[in-house]
N, C-alpha and C. Protein backbone atom coordinates (compact mmCIF):
# COMPACT_ATOMS: atom_id res chain seq x y z
N MET A 1 0.88 -1.72 -0.15
CA MET A 1 -0.20 -0.52 -0.28
C MET A 1 0.97 1.12 0.01
N GLU A 2 0.64 1.66 -0.78
CA GLU A 2 1.44 3.39 -1.04
C GLU A 2 0.74 4.17 0.04
N MET A 3 1.67 5.01 0.61
CA MET A 3 1.46 6.39 1.19
C MET A 3 0.95 7.08 0.35
N GLU A 4 0.39 7.92 1.09
CA GLU A 4 -1.16 8.98 1.21
C GLU A 4 -0.18 10.31 0.81
N LYS A 5 -0.25 10.95 -0.81
CA LYS A 5 0.64 11.91 -0.99
C LYS A 5 -0.08 13.52 -0.66
N LEU A 6 0.14 14.84 -0.15
CA LEU A 6 -0.93 15.58 0.24
C LEU A 6 -0.17 16.43 -0.58
N PRO A 7 -1.20 17.79 -0.71
CA PRO A 7 -1.20 19.12 -1.57
C PRO A 7 -0.70 19.59 -1.72
N GLY A 8 0.36 20.51 -2.82
CA GLY A 8 1.39 21.32 -2.05
C GLY A 8 1.36 22.78 -1.17
N ASP A 9 -0.17 22.72 -1.62
CA ASP A 9 -0.66 23.80 -0.72
C ASP A 9 -0.39 23.94 0.83
N TYR A 10 -1.44 22.81 0.14
CA TYR A 10 -0.88 22.46 2.63
C TYR A 10 -0.45 22.12 3.17
N ILE A 11 0.77 21.76 2.30
CA ILE A 11 2.20 21.51 2.70
C ILE A 11 2.94 22.76 3.62
N ALA A 12 2.56 23.69 1.85
CA ALA A 12 3.55 25.16 2.67
C ALA A 12 1.87 25.40 3.35
N GLY A 13 0.55 25.93 3.71
CA GLY A 13 0.79 26.17 4.74
C GLY A 13 1.31 25.72 5.83
N PHE A 14 1.03 24.46 6.08
CA PHE A 14 1.58 23.42 7.42
C PHE A 14 2.99 24.08 7.68
N ILE A 15 3.62 23.92 6.30
CA ILE A 15 5.17 24.82 6.82
C ILE A 15 5.65 26.05 7.46
N ASP A 16 4.44 27.11 6.56
CA ASP A 16 4.65 28.28 7.18
C ASP A 16 4.39 28.43 8.45
N GLY A 17 3.49 27.40 9.34
CA GLY A 17 3.70 27.58 10.73
C GLY A 17 4.41 26.28 11.48
N GLU A 18 5.20 25.62 10.89
CA GLU A 18 5.84 24.68 11.65
C GLU A 18 6.99 24.67 11.28
N GLY A 19 7.40 25.53 9.84
CA GLY A 19 8.58 24.40 9.23
C GLY A 19 10.34 25.90 10.03
N CYS A 20 11.55 24.19 9.50
CA CYS A 20 11.98 25.67 9.82
C CYS A 20 13.32 24.85 8.38
N PHE A 21 13.38 26.85 8.10
CA PHE A 21 14.89 26.77 6.82
C PHE A 21 15.84 27.51 7.97
N TYR A 22 16.77 26.41 7.27
CA TYR A 22 18.18 26.66 8.70
C TYR A 22 19.22 26.78 8.74
N LEU A 23 20.07 27.65 8.49
CA LEU A 23 22.02 28.11 8.24
C LEU A 23 22.26 28.16 9.63
N MET A 24 23.49 26.57 9.45
CA MET A 24 24.02 26.74 10.94
C MET A 24 25.55 26.76 10.31
N TYR A 25 26.79 27.12 10.21
CA TYR A 25 27.66 27.20 10.71
C TYR A 25 28.86 26.73 11.80
N ARG A 26 28.85 24.76 11.35
CA ARG A 26 28.89 24.27 12.39
C ARG A 26 30.78 23.98 12.55
N SER A 27 31.25 23.31 14.18
CA SER A 27 32.49 23.07 13.99
C SER A 27 33.00 21.63 13.82
N GLU A 28 33.84 20.77 13.37
CA GLU A 28 33.85 19.47 13.58
C GLU A 28 35.10 19.43 13.66
N ILE A 29 35.68 18.22 14.48
CA ILE A 29 37.01 17.86 15.55
C ILE A 29 36.86 16.82 14.50
N LYS A 30 38.08 16.79 13.35
CA LYS A 30 38.44 15.28 13.39
C LYS A 30 39.91 15.13 13.44
N ARG A 31 39.88 13.57 13.69
CA ARG A 31 41.24 13.03 14.65
C ARG A 31 42.41 13.18 13.19
N LYS A 32 43.77 13.19 13.21
CA LYS A 32 44.15 12.70 12.01
C LYS A 32 45.79 12.66 12.75
N ARG A 33 46.02 11.45 12.97
CA ARG A 33 47.62 11.16 14.10
C ARG A 33 47.46 11.25 14.86
N SER A 34 47.39 11.90 16.20
CA SER A 34 47.45 12.69 17.65
C SER A 34 47.36 13.85 17.74
N LYS A 35 46.39 14.95 16.78
CA LYS A 35 46.44 15.69 17.17
C LYS A 35 45.03 15.89 16.61
N GLN A 36 43.50 16.62 17.68
CA GLN A 36 42.77 17.96 16.76
C GLN A 36 42.64 18.68 16.29
N VAL A 37 42.12 18.58 14.61
CA VAL A 37 41.78 19.42 14.01
C VAL A 37 40.72 19.94 14.15
N THR A 38 40.21 20.98 13.99
CA THR A 38 38.57 21.50 13.83
C THR A 38 38.48 22.44 12.62
N TYR A 39 37.68 21.67 11.89
CA TYR A 39 37.14 22.58 10.79
C TYR A 39 35.56 23.42 10.95
N TYR A 40 35.58 23.55 10.20
CA TYR A 40 33.95 24.14 9.82
C TYR A 40 33.49 24.22 8.49
N ARG A 41 32.11 24.29 8.99
CA ARG A 41 31.34 24.24 7.05
C ARG A 41 29.95 24.78 7.14
N TRP A 42 29.03 24.81 6.33
CA TRP A 42 28.45 25.52 6.63
C TRP A 42 27.20 24.22 6.28
N LEU A 43 26.53 24.59 7.04
CA LEU A 43 25.59 23.16 6.74
C LEU A 43 23.48 24.12 6.43
N PRO A 44 23.17 23.49 5.52
CA PRO A 44 21.74 23.89 5.09
C PRO A 44 20.88 23.05 5.81
N TYR A 45 19.90 22.95 6.03
CA TYR A 45 18.32 22.05 6.45
C TYR A 45 17.45 22.69 6.37
N PHE A 46 17.07 21.95 6.30
CA PHE A 46 15.60 21.82 6.49
C PHE A 46 14.58 20.70 7.12
N ALA A 47 13.20 21.76 8.64
CA ALA A 47 13.22 20.45 9.19
C ALA A 47 11.38 20.92 10.14
N MET A 48 11.02 19.59 10.94
CA MET A 48 10.10 20.04 12.24
C MET A 48 10.17 19.16 12.81
N THR A 49 10.04 19.75 13.90
CA THR A 49 9.15 18.86 14.89
C THR A 49 8.25 18.69 15.14
N LEU A 50 6.74 18.41 15.66
CA LEU A 50 5.40 18.01 15.46
C LEU A 50 4.76 17.35 17.33
N ARG A 51 4.43 16.88 18.65
CA ARG A 51 3.83 16.04 18.85
C ARG A 51 4.41 14.94 18.13
N GLU A 52 4.90 13.42 19.20
CA GLU A 52 4.23 12.53 18.37
C GLU A 52 3.58 12.17 17.94
N ASP A 53 2.25 11.93 18.16
CA ASP A 53 0.99 11.72 17.85
C ASP A 53 0.50 12.65 16.37
N ASP A 54 1.99 13.54 16.07
CA ASP A 54 1.54 13.89 14.64
C ASP A 54 2.34 13.67 13.23
N ILE A 55 2.53 12.40 14.14
CA ILE A 55 4.14 11.40 13.83
C ILE A 55 3.26 11.64 12.26
N ALA A 56 2.36 10.80 11.63
CA ALA A 56 2.07 10.15 10.83
C ALA A 56 1.86 11.80 8.94
N ILE A 57 1.63 12.82 9.65
CA ILE A 57 1.53 13.60 8.89
C ILE A 57 3.38 13.72 8.49
N LEU A 58 4.04 13.34 9.01
CA LEU A 58 5.60 14.31 8.56
C LEU A 58 5.94 13.61 7.78
N LYS A 59 5.67 12.05 7.74
CA LYS A 59 5.11 10.90 6.71
C LYS A 59 5.61 11.36 5.52
N LYS A 60 4.09 11.35 5.55
CA LYS A 60 3.19 11.99 4.37
C LYS A 60 3.77 13.03 3.23
N ILE A 61 4.01 13.92 5.02
CA ILE A 61 5.06 14.78 3.95
C ILE A 61 6.07 14.85 3.60
N GLN A 62 6.96 13.40 4.14
CA GLN A 62 8.12 12.63 3.57
C GLN A 62 8.13 12.31 1.99
N ASN A 63 6.64 11.66 2.10
CA ASN A 63 6.70 10.71 1.41
C ASN A 63 6.30 11.71 0.26
N THR A 64 5.33 12.95 0.06
CA THR A 64 5.54 13.92 -0.89
C THR A 64 6.96 14.31 -1.28
N LEU A 65 7.54 15.22 -0.66
CA LEU A 65 8.64 15.64 -1.36
C LEU A 65 9.83 14.65 -1.96
N GLY A 66 9.33 13.87 -1.28
CA GLY A 66 10.47 11.96 -1.77
C GLY A 66 11.24 12.48 -1.33
N CYS A 67 11.68 12.53 0.18
CA CYS A 67 12.89 13.19 0.47
C CYS A 67 13.35 12.75 2.72
N GLY A 68 14.40 12.99 2.98
CA GLY A 68 14.23 13.26 4.17
C GLY A 68 13.68 12.12 5.84
N ASN A 69 14.45 12.11 6.57
CA ASN A 69 14.04 11.62 7.37
C ASN A 69 12.77 12.04 8.77
N VAL A 70 12.01 10.82 8.78
CA VAL A 70 11.17 10.58 9.95
C VAL A 70 11.62 9.95 11.36
N TYR A 71 11.75 10.69 11.64
CA TYR A 71 11.68 9.64 13.73
C TYR A 71 11.80 10.73 14.65
N LYS A 72 11.19 9.96 15.50
CA LYS A 72 10.68 9.96 17.33
C LYS A 72 12.32 9.91 17.26
N LEU A 73 11.86 11.29 18.59
CA LEU A 73 12.69 12.17 19.71
C LEU A 73 12.69 11.27 20.81
N LYS A 74 14.24 11.66 21.20
CA LYS A 74 14.04 10.87 22.66
C LYS A 74 13.40 12.28 23.74
N LYS A 75 12.84 11.56 24.44
CA LYS A 75 11.87 11.71 25.40
C LYS A 75 12.82 13.34 26.01
N ARG A 76 11.85 14.34 25.69
CA ARG A 76 12.73 15.44 27.24
C ARG A 76 11.70 16.23 28.00
N ILE A 77 11.47 16.71 28.76
CA ILE A 77 10.48 17.50 28.96
C ILE A 77 9.43 18.29 28.32
N GLY A 78 8.45 17.31 28.29
CA GLY A 78 6.46 17.19 28.36
C GLY A 78 7.35 15.73 27.77
N GLU A 79 6.20 16.35 26.11
CA GLU A 79 5.86 14.62 26.03
C GLU A 79 6.86 15.03 24.78
N GLN A 80 6.45 13.88 24.52
CA GLN A 80 7.38 12.18 23.18
C GLN A 80 6.84 13.50 21.69
N GLN A 81 8.16 13.58 21.15
CA GLN A 81 8.31 14.83 19.56
C GLN A 81 8.53 13.86 18.59
N ALA A 82 8.04 13.97 17.14
CA ALA A 82 8.60 13.46 16.06
C ALA A 82 9.37 15.04 15.52
N TYR A 83 10.45 14.16 14.76
CA TYR A 83 11.07 14.81 13.96
C TYR A 83 10.95 14.70 12.65
N PHE A 84 11.27 15.48 11.46
CA PHE A 84 11.18 15.66 10.27
C PHE A 84 12.34 16.33 9.03
N GLY A 85 13.41 15.57 9.11
CA GLY A 85 14.50 16.75 8.87
C GLY A 85 15.46 16.02 7.38
N ILE A 86 15.72 17.06 6.72
CA ILE A 86 16.76 16.93 5.12
C ILE A 86 17.64 17.90 5.29
N GLN A 87 18.84 17.10 5.39
CA GLN A 87 20.56 17.86 4.90
C GLN A 87 20.70 16.86 3.86
N HIS A 88 20.96 16.54 3.67
CA HIS A 88 21.41 16.36 2.19
C HIS A 88 20.95 17.60 1.10
N ILE A 89 22.64 18.76 1.08
CA ILE A 89 22.58 19.86 -0.12
C ILE A 89 21.46 18.99 -1.66
N ASP A 90 21.77 17.90 -2.21
CA ASP A 90 21.40 16.99 -3.33
C ASP A 90 19.68 17.78 -2.96
N ASP A 91 19.35 17.30 -2.00
CA ASP A 91 17.35 17.40 -1.76
C ASP A 91 17.62 18.45 -1.55
N LEU A 92 17.59 19.17 -0.59
CA LEU A 92 17.32 20.37 0.00
C LEU A 92 17.03 21.16 -1.60
N TYR A 93 18.39 21.69 -2.54
CA TYR A 93 18.22 22.14 -3.65
C TYR A 93 17.55 21.82 -5.39
N ARG A 94 17.39 20.24 -5.39
CA ARG A 94 16.53 19.46 -6.42
C ARG A 94 15.70 19.08 -6.41
N LYS A 95 14.64 19.43 -4.79
CA LYS A 95 13.19 19.88 -3.73
C LYS A 95 12.73 19.32 -3.28
N VAL A 96 13.49 20.47 -2.37
CA VAL A 96 12.84 21.30 -1.49
C VAL A 96 12.57 22.24 -2.16
N MET A 97 13.66 23.28 -2.25
CA MET A 97 13.34 24.46 -2.89
C MET A 97 12.59 24.48 -3.94
N PRO A 98 12.88 24.07 -5.41
CA PRO A 98 11.88 24.28 -6.86
C PRO A 98 10.30 23.96 -5.52
N PHE A 99 9.94 22.70 -4.44
CA PHE A 99 8.75 22.51 -4.11
C PHE A 99 7.55 23.67 -3.43
N PHE A 100 8.61 24.43 -2.62
CA PHE A 100 8.88 25.69 -2.40
C PHE A 100 9.11 27.03 -2.65
N GLN A 101 9.86 27.14 -3.91
CA GLN A 101 9.26 27.90 -5.01
C GLN A 101 7.36 28.14 -5.67
N LYS A 102 7.77 26.29 -5.62
CA LYS A 102 6.34 26.48 -6.39
C LYS A 102 5.44 26.14 -6.31
N TYR A 103 4.87 25.83 -4.73
CA TYR A 103 4.18 26.17 -3.54
C TYR A 103 4.27 27.35 -2.45
N GLN A 104 4.15 28.30 -2.95
CA GLN A 104 4.54 29.50 -1.72
C GLN A 104 3.84 29.63 -0.66
N LEU A 105 4.91 30.21 0.34
CA LEU A 105 5.02 30.26 1.77
C LEU A 105 4.34 31.31 1.53
N ARG A 106 2.94 31.57 2.67
CA ARG A 106 2.19 32.86 2.76
C ARG A 106 2.85 34.06 3.74
N ALA A 107 3.01 33.42 5.07
CA ALA A 107 3.38 34.12 6.10
C ALA A 107 4.40 34.85 5.50
N LYS A 108 5.62 35.32 7.39
CA LYS A 108 6.77 35.91 7.05
C LYS A 108 8.09 34.30 6.78
N LYS A 109 7.63 33.21 7.10
CA LYS A 109 8.32 32.22 6.53
C LYS A 109 8.59 32.71 5.25
N ARG A 110 8.19 33.61 4.72
CA ARG A 110 8.72 33.36 2.92
C ARG A 110 9.94 33.89 3.00
N PHE A 111 10.21 34.93 3.28
CA PHE A 111 11.42 36.00 3.68
C PHE A 111 12.65 34.83 3.93
N ASP A 112 12.21 34.59 5.23
CA ASP A 112 12.88 32.83 6.05
C ASP A 112 13.84 32.37 4.73
N PHE A 113 12.64 32.56 3.96
CA PHE A 113 13.15 30.84 2.59
C PHE A 113 13.84 31.39 1.84
N GLU A 114 13.39 32.35 0.72
CA GLU A 114 13.87 33.83 0.40
C GLU A 114 15.49 33.46 0.92
N LEU A 115 16.15 34.06 1.47
CA LEU A 115 17.00 33.93 2.22
C LEU A 115 17.52 32.65 2.45
N TRP A 116 16.97 31.51 2.70
CA TRP A 116 17.43 30.08 2.73
C TRP A 116 18.04 29.46 1.38
N CYS A 117 17.69 30.28 0.13
CA CYS A 117 17.48 29.79 -0.24
C CYS A 117 18.34 30.32 -1.40
N LYS A 118 19.10 31.82 -0.92
CA LYS A 118 20.81 31.97 -1.15
C LYS A 118 21.33 31.30 -0.85
N ALA A 119 21.33 31.26 0.60
CA ALA A 119 22.45 30.47 0.96
C ALA A 119 23.12 29.30 0.18
N LEU A 120 21.86 28.70 0.52
CA LEU A 120 21.34 27.26 -0.62
C LEU A 120 22.47 27.06 -1.97
N THR A 121 21.64 27.89 -2.49
CA THR A 121 22.50 28.44 -4.04
C THR A 121 23.98 28.89 -3.75
N ILE A 122 24.64 29.12 -2.90
CA ILE A 122 26.05 29.12 -3.01
C ILE A 122 26.61 28.29 -2.47
N LEU A 123 25.57 27.08 -1.47
CA LEU A 123 26.34 26.28 -0.98
C LEU A 123 26.54 24.62 -1.73
N TYR A 124 25.30 24.56 -2.94
CA TYR A 124 25.14 24.00 -4.14
C TYR A 124 26.27 24.81 -5.31
N ARG A 125 26.96 25.29 -5.24
CA ARG A 125 27.73 25.54 -6.52
C ARG A 125 29.05 25.16 -5.59
N ASN A 126 29.65 25.34 -4.96
CA ASN A 126 30.40 25.23 -4.07
C ASN A 126 30.81 23.66 -3.11
N LYS A 127 29.70 22.88 -3.72
CA LYS A 127 29.93 21.82 -2.77
C LYS A 127 30.42 20.07 -3.66
N SER A 128 30.88 20.35 -4.98
CA SER A 128 32.38 19.91 -5.00
C SER A 128 33.67 20.20 -4.57
N ASN A 129 33.49 20.89 -3.78
CA ASN A 129 34.91 21.35 -2.89
C ASN A 129 34.50 21.25 -1.31
N ARG A 130 34.02 20.71 -1.46
CA ARG A 130 33.67 19.32 0.08
C ARG A 130 33.38 21.03 0.30
N ALA A 131 32.21 21.51 0.41
CA ALA A 131 31.71 22.73 0.90
C ALA A 131 32.78 24.64 1.94
N ARG A 132 33.61 24.14 1.24
CA ARG A 132 34.80 24.54 1.37
C ARG A 132 35.09 26.29 0.43
N CYS A 133 34.56 27.45 1.33
CA CYS A 133 34.02 28.58 0.37
C CYS A 133 34.93 29.90 -0.05
N SER A 134 34.82 30.52 -0.88
CA SER A 134 36.12 31.22 -0.41
C SER A 134 35.22 32.37 0.81
N GLU A 135 36.20 33.49 0.87
CA GLU A 135 35.84 34.31 1.99
C GLU A 135 34.78 34.97 1.50
N GLU A 136 34.49 35.34 0.21
CA GLU A 136 33.39 36.51 -0.56
C GLU A 136 31.97 35.33 -0.15
N ASP A 137 32.20 34.10 -0.77
CA ASP A 137 30.86 33.47 0.03
C ASP A 137 30.78 33.03 1.16
N HIS A 138 31.79 33.33 2.30
CA HIS A 138 31.85 32.66 3.60
C HIS A 138 31.33 34.43 4.71
N LYS A 139 31.38 35.67 3.77
CA LYS A 139 30.75 37.28 4.47
C LYS A 139 29.76 36.67 4.02
N ALA A 140 29.32 36.62 2.04
CA ALA A 140 27.30 36.75 2.33
C ALA A 140 26.95 34.85 3.18
N LEU A 141 27.07 34.85 3.56
CA LEU A 141 26.84 32.97 4.08
C LEU A 141 26.40 33.82 5.81
N SER A 142 27.46 34.59 5.88
CA SER A 142 27.30 35.47 7.34
C SER A 142 25.87 36.77 7.25
N ALA A 143 25.96 36.63 6.48
CA ALA A 143 24.73 38.44 6.14
C ALA A 143 24.04 37.94 6.35
N ILE A 144 23.25 36.58 5.18
CA ILE A 144 22.57 35.76 5.06
C ILE A 144 21.73 35.28 6.73
N ARG A 145 22.79 34.60 7.07
CA ARG A 145 22.87 34.13 8.84
C ARG A 145 21.95 35.63 9.26
N GLU A 146 22.39 36.05 9.73
CA GLU A 146 22.28 37.31 10.02
C GLU A 146 20.69 38.54 10.20
N GLN A 147 20.49 38.09 8.69
CA GLN A 147 19.12 38.29 8.62
C GLN A 147 18.81 37.30 8.62
N MET A 148 18.17 36.21 8.23
CA MET A 148 17.33 35.39 9.45
C MET A 148 16.55 35.01 10.01
N ARG A 149 17.70 35.60 11.57
CA ARG A 149 17.67 35.65 12.81
C ARG A 149 16.43 36.14 13.29
N GLN A 150 16.24 37.49 11.92
CA GLN A 150 14.77 37.87 12.25
C GLN A 150 13.24 37.56 12.18
N TYR A 151 13.48 36.34 11.43
CA TYR A 151 12.15 35.44 10.99
C TYR A 151 12.19 33.78 12.19
N LYS A 152 13.27 33.81 12.93
CA LYS A 152 13.53 32.90 13.81
C LYS A 152 12.38 33.53 15.04
N SER A 153 12.47 32.62 16.25
CA SER A 153 12.29 32.65 17.10
C SER A 153 13.19 33.45 17.79
N LYS A 154 12.51 34.28 18.97
CA LYS A 154 14.20 35.12 19.05
C LYS A 154 14.85 33.93 20.59
N ARG A 155 16.20 34.41 19.93
CA ARG A 155 17.10 33.08 19.91
C ARG A 155 17.31 34.31 21.89
N LEU A 156 18.03 33.43 23.67
CA LEU A 156 18.61 34.07 23.69
C LEU A 156 19.54 33.56 23.54
N ASN A 157 20.79 32.98 23.24
CA ASN A 157 22.10 33.14 23.04
C ASN A 157 22.21 32.65 21.92
N PRO A 158 22.79 33.90 21.80
CA PRO A 158 24.45 34.21 20.67
C PRO A 158 24.38 33.10 19.75
N TYR A 159 25.34 33.00 18.13
CA TYR A 159 25.13 32.32 17.45
C TYR A 159 26.44 31.22 18.39
N LYS A 160 27.02 30.48 18.31
CA LYS A 160 28.15 29.88 18.61
C LYS A 160 29.49 30.50 17.18
N ASN A 161 29.62 29.13 16.36
CA ASN A 161 30.14 29.73 16.04
C ASN A 161 30.38 31.04 14.66
N TYR A 162 31.19 31.61 14.21
CA TYR A 162 31.79 32.79 12.98
C TYR A 162 32.66 32.56 12.39
N PRO A 163 32.85 32.52 11.05
CA PRO A 163 33.64 31.98 10.51
C PRO A 163 35.01 33.05 10.60
N MET A 164 35.88 33.05 10.27
CA MET A 164 36.93 34.28 10.75
C MET A 164 36.71 35.59 10.53
N GLY A 165 37.12 36.23 11.73
CA GLY A 165 37.17 37.60 11.47
C GLY A 165 35.14 37.77 11.03
N LEU A 166 34.25 37.47 10.80
CA LEU A 166 33.21 37.77 10.39
C LEU A 166 31.48 38.40 11.88
N LYS A 167 32.16 38.04 12.74
CA LYS A 167 30.86 37.67 14.07
C LYS A 167 30.69 39.45 14.21
N PRO A 168 29.37 39.37 14.38
CA PRO A 168 29.22 40.68 14.35
C PRO A 168 29.19 41.13 15.57
N LYS A 169 28.96 42.60 15.71
CA LYS A 169 29.21 43.39 17.21
C LYS A 169 27.90 42.74 18.08
N GLY A 170 28.43 43.40 19.61
CA GLY A 170 27.74 42.55 19.80
C GLY A 170 26.77 41.55 20.40
N ASN A 171 28.15 40.77 19.81
CA ASN A 171 27.12 39.17 19.65
C ASN A 171 28.90 38.74 20.99
């Protein structure tokens, strides 16, 4: 039995309220002989977290988009939660971005998505370089991430990682 696919406009409305387009600058430690070397890379992703009893709708969205992972999160304070996320850059660029360009978001998340698309395009262009961007691209991505903050829930803590020399004043 094939899982139901949902109408694109329904998914866009759902994402307007519950989805998250995110751009992270992440540190990773790679071990090379006895030394630990820290690498930094940009990581775009799309995700949403709902109550565990809504996992079926996440699976239908996953089926409609044709990518991503759905799983239950470990129980935290309160209710059990279900998570849907997509991190693979090809899926983000070839499936998620065109889907939401066709089925447009209507709320303020539309502006967040437009900025995310700019960042995703830069990262996709650089993907063969193993996410190593030029200094100009790092500056552009940092500026995009800062612009995206206005469309996110108010963060109490500033971002942990910034490309070298690009940490904004006040953080």
